N, C-alpha and C. Protein backbone atom coordinates (compact mmCIF):
# COMPACT_ATOMS: atom_id res chain seq x y z
N UNK A 1 58.56 17.34 34.86
CA UNK A 1 59.54 16.63 35.90
C UNK A 1 60.13 15.45 35.19
N UNK A 2 61.36 15.28 35.73
CA UNK A 2 61.61 14.58 35.28
C UNK A 2 62.34 12.77 35.90
N UNK A 3 61.87 11.87 35.05
CA UNK A 3 62.55 10.94 36.55
C UNK A 3 64.29 10.54 36.18
N UNK A 4 64.54 10.33 37.51
CA UNK A 4 65.89 10.78 37.90
C UNK A 4 66.91 9.32 37.36
N UNK A 5 65.77 8.16 37.12
CA UNK A 5 66.59 6.99 36.72
C UNK A 5 66.73 6.82 35.08
N UNK A 6 65.71 7.20 34.35
CA UNK A 6 65.56 6.74 32.54
C UNK A 6 65.68 8.61 32.09
N UNK A 7 65.54 9.64 32.67
CA UNK A 7 65.41 10.85 32.02
C UNK A 7 64.30 10.85 31.40
N UNK A 8 62.74 10.53 31.55
CA UNK A 8 61.68 10.54 30.85
C UNK A 8 60.73 11.45 31.59
N UNK A 9 59.81 11.98 30.26
CA UNK A 9 59.17 13.00 31.46
C UNK A 9 57.98 12.33 31.56
N UNK A 10 57.61 11.23 31.40
CA UNK A 10 56.34 10.81 31.26
C UNK A 10 55.87 10.34 32.88
N UNK A 11 56.13 11.47 33.79
CA UNK A 11 55.67 10.82 35.27
C UNK A 11 54.06 11.56 35.53
N UNK A 12 53.73 10.91 36.67
CA UNK A 12 52.33 11.02 37.36
C UNK A 12 52.95 11.25 39.01
N UNK A 13 52.47 12.18 39.12
CA UNK A 13 52.29 12.41 40.78
C UNK A 13 51.65 11.98 41.31
N UNK A 14 51.25 11.35 42.65
CA UNK A 14 50.42 11.18 43.22
C UNK A 14 50.20 11.67 44.89
N UNK A 15 49.15 11.19 45.95
CA UNK A 15 49.27 11.82 47.46
C UNK A 15 48.78 10.06 47.59
N UNK A 16 50.14 10.00 48.50
CA UNK A 16 50.01 8.57 49.52
C UNK A 16 50.14 9.20 50.70
N UNK A 17 49.56 8.07 51.48
CA UNK A 17 49.76 7.92 53.07
C UNK A 17 50.69 7.60 53.69
N UNK A 18 51.45 8.66 54.07
CA UNK A 18 52.76 8.11 54.86
C UNK A 18 52.58 7.73 56.35
N UNK A 19 51.95 8.49 56.89
CA UNK A 19 51.81 8.42 58.75
C UNK A 19 50.18 8.11 59.39
N UNK A 20 50.22 7.20 60.34
CA UNK A 20 48.63 7.70 60.91
C UNK A 20 49.38 7.61 62.09
N UNK A 21 48.40 8.57 62.96
CA UNK A 21 48.34 8.17 64.57
C UNK A 21 46.90 8.59 65.10
N UNK A 22 47.01 7.60 66.08
CA UNK A 22 45.36 7.40 66.43
C UNK A 22 45.95 8.03 68.18
N UNK A 23 44.72 8.99 68.94
CA UNK A 23 45.08 9.26 70.34
C UNK A 23 43.87 8.92 70.75
N UNK A 24 44.06 8.46 72.00
CA UNK A 24 42.25 7.76 72.82
C UNK A 24 42.11 8.74 73.99
N UNK A 25 41.37 8.67 74.41
CA UNK A 25 40.75 9.64 75.35
C UNK A 25 40.16 8.37 76.03
N UNK A 26 39.70 8.87 77.85
CA UNK A 26 39.09 7.93 78.33
C UNK A 26 37.60 8.47 78.43
N UNK A 27 36.72 7.44 79.76
CA UNK A 27 35.47 8.44 79.59
C UNK A 27 35.78 9.14 80.84
N UNK A 28 36.49 9.37 81.57
CA UNK A 28 36.70 10.69 82.81
C UNK A 28 35.57 10.23 83.81
N UNK A 29 35.56 10.43 84.69
CA UNK A 29 34.63 10.59 86.30
C UNK A 29 33.42 10.58 85.75
N UNK A 30 32.97 10.82 85.08
CA UNK A 30 31.78 11.29 84.55
C UNK A 30 30.93 9.74 83.77
N UNK A 31 31.81 9.57 82.85
CA UNK A 31 31.59 8.28 82.01
C UNK A 31 31.63 6.97 83.48
N UNK A 32 32.50 7.13 83.90
CA UNK A 32 32.72 6.30 85.12
C UNK A 32 31.68 6.22 86.36
N UNK A 33 30.85 6.64 86.16
CA UNK A 33 29.75 7.24 87.36
C UNK A 33 28.19 6.63 86.52
N UNK A 34 28.29 6.82 85.02
CA UNK A 34 27.37 6.96 84.42
C UNK A 34 27.31 5.47 84.17
N UNK A 35 28.36 4.59 83.93
CA UNK A 35 28.58 2.86 84.08
C UNK A 35 28.08 2.21 85.01
N UNK A 36 28.67 2.70 86.21
CA UNK A 36 28.56 2.58 87.78
C UNK A 36 26.80 2.24 88.05
N UNK A 37 25.91 3.82 87.68
CA UNK A 37 24.72 3.64 87.75
C UNK A 37 24.04 2.73 86.32
N UNK A 38 24.05 2.41 85.44
CA UNK A 38 24.02 1.63 84.20
C UNK A 38 24.09 -0.12 85.05
N UNK A 39 25.48 -0.20 85.82
CA UNK A 39 25.07 -1.36 86.01
C UNK A 39 24.52 -1.52 87.47
N UNK A 40 23.85 -0.70 88.25
CA UNK A 40 23.08 -0.64 89.14
C UNK A 40 21.80 -1.12 88.53
N UNK A 41 21.40 0.02 87.89
CA UNK A 41 19.78 -0.34 87.05
C UNK A 41 19.73 -1.68 86.25
N UNK A 42 20.91 -1.86 85.72
CA UNK A 42 20.61 -3.52 85.05
C UNK A 42 20.32 -4.71 85.98
N UNK A 43 21.33 -4.58 87.04
CA UNK A 43 21.00 -6.07 88.18
C UNK A 43 19.69 -5.48 88.47
N UNK A 44 18.92 -4.22 88.98
CA UNK A 44 17.12 -4.44 89.55
C UNK A 44 16.48 -4.06 88.30
N UNK A 45 16.87 -4.08 86.85
CA UNK A 45 15.96 -4.34 85.86
C UNK A 45 16.24 -5.59 85.26
N UNK A 46 17.04 -6.81 85.37
CA UNK A 46 17.41 -7.86 85.34
C UNK A 46 17.70 -7.70 83.70
N UNK A 47 18.96 -7.05 83.45
CA UNK A 47 19.21 -6.47 82.53
C UNK A 47 18.84 -5.67 81.24
N UNK A 48 17.20 -5.45 81.52
CA UNK A 48 16.43 -5.35 80.51
C UNK A 48 17.08 -3.57 80.50
N UNK A 49 17.32 -2.98 80.97
CA UNK A 49 17.92 -1.64 80.62
C UNK A 49 18.83 -1.25 79.86
N UNK A 50 20.17 -2.72 79.74
CA UNK A 50 21.39 -2.67 78.78
C UNK A 50 20.60 -2.41 77.37
N UNK A 51 19.45 -2.95 77.23
CA UNK A 51 18.77 -2.53 75.92
C UNK A 51 18.85 -0.95 75.49
N UNK A 52 18.58 -0.61 76.36
CA UNK A 52 18.39 1.05 75.65
C UNK A 52 19.46 1.74 76.28
N UNK A 53 19.77 1.74 77.60
CA UNK A 53 21.14 2.79 77.73
C UNK A 53 22.67 2.04 77.85
N UNK A 54 23.43 3.06 77.16
CA UNK A 54 24.48 1.92 76.34
C UNK A 54 25.60 2.49 77.02
N UNK A 55 26.97 2.04 77.42
CA UNK A 55 27.88 1.85 77.86
C UNK A 55 28.97 2.95 77.46
N UNK A 56 29.44 4.08 78.08
CA UNK A 56 30.28 4.88 78.34
C UNK A 56 31.31 4.77 77.61
N UNK A 57 32.14 4.98 76.28
CA UNK A 57 33.43 4.44 75.59
C UNK A 57 33.83 5.78 75.62
N UNK A 58 35.17 5.85 75.41
CA UNK A 58 36.43 6.78 75.17
C UNK A 58 36.00 7.40 74.10
N UNK A 59 36.78 8.34 73.82
CA UNK A 59 36.64 8.98 72.42
C UNK A 59 37.88 8.53 71.49
N UNK A 60 38.06 8.53 70.44
CA UNK A 60 39.15 7.99 69.18
C UNK A 60 39.34 9.17 68.19
N UNK A 61 40.84 9.75 68.24
CA UNK A 61 40.50 11.06 67.14
C UNK A 61 42.21 10.30 66.69
N UNK A 62 42.02 10.47 64.81
CA UNK A 62 43.02 9.91 64.09
C UNK A 62 43.71 10.80 63.05
N UNK A 63 44.64 11.26 63.33
CA UNK A 63 45.55 12.38 62.22
C UNK A 63 46.33 11.15 61.07
N UNK A 64 46.39 11.51 59.83
CA UNK A 64 46.72 10.92 59.07
C UNK A 64 47.64 12.12 57.98
N UNK A 65 48.87 11.66 57.74
CA UNK A 65 49.93 13.07 57.29
C UNK A 65 49.96 11.55 55.56
N UNK A 66 49.64 12.74 55.04
CA UNK A 66 49.92 12.02 53.20
C UNK A 66 51.52 12.96 52.91
N UNK A 67 51.81 12.32 51.86
CA UNK A 67 53.24 12.97 51.23
C UNK A 67 53.14 13.09 49.67
N UNK A 68 53.46 13.40 48.90
CA UNK A 68 53.66 13.32 47.06
C UNK A 68 54.91 12.44 46.69
N UNK A 69 54.33 11.61 45.58
CA UNK A 69 54.91 10.14 45.39
C UNK A 69 55.08 10.65 43.69
N UNK A 70 55.98 11.20 43.35
CA UNK A 70 56.35 10.62 41.81
C UNK A 70 56.28 9.27 41.32
N UNK A 71 55.58 8.79 40.02
CA UNK A 71 56.03 7.72 39.70
C UNK A 71 56.20 7.69 38.20
N UNK A 72 57.19 7.19 37.55
CA UNK A 72 57.76 7.29 36.45
C UNK A 72 56.94 5.57 35.90
N UNK A 73 56.35 6.65 34.43
CA UNK A 73 55.29 5.76 33.92
C UNK A 73 56.22 5.11 32.66
N UNK A 74 57.25 5.06 32.47
CA UNK A 74 58.67 3.77 31.38
C UNK A 74 59.33 3.00 32.46
N UNK A 75 59.75 3.50 33.27
CA UNK A 75 60.45 2.46 34.22
C UNK A 75 59.96 1.93 35.78
N UNK A 76 58.66 2.74 36.23
CA UNK A 76 58.28 2.34 37.36
C UNK A 76 59.16 2.61 38.72
N UNK A 77 60.07 3.58 38.34
CA UNK A 77 60.62 4.41 39.93
C UNK A 77 60.28 5.10 40.40
N UNK A 78 59.72 4.90 41.89
CA UNK A 78 59.00 5.65 42.65
C UNK A 78 60.41 6.84 43.57
N UNK A 79 60.16 7.57 43.51
CA UNK A 79 60.55 8.60 44.55
C UNK A 79 59.44 9.91 44.94
N UNK A 80 59.94 10.37 46.40
CA UNK A 80 59.47 11.75 46.92
C UNK A 80 59.01 13.16 45.78
N UNK A 81 58.06 13.67 45.73
CA UNK A 81 58.30 14.58 44.71
C UNK A 81 58.35 15.88 45.95
């Protein structure tokens, strides 16, 4: 591969993170019922049940897109490979 700026052959190609997208899903009906039952139990046990019974949370899923980037070692010019 050749640098378009200085025509050098001293080029390194690396993978770089291009973008990231996170999707979040809620807890749904079952999770809301679990949290309501947890709250009622916490009131009756003066909060001691909260030490063992954790709150339902949603889920996150992250997708990352990568791209190849070339870097000239002589002049430092960067471009998409």
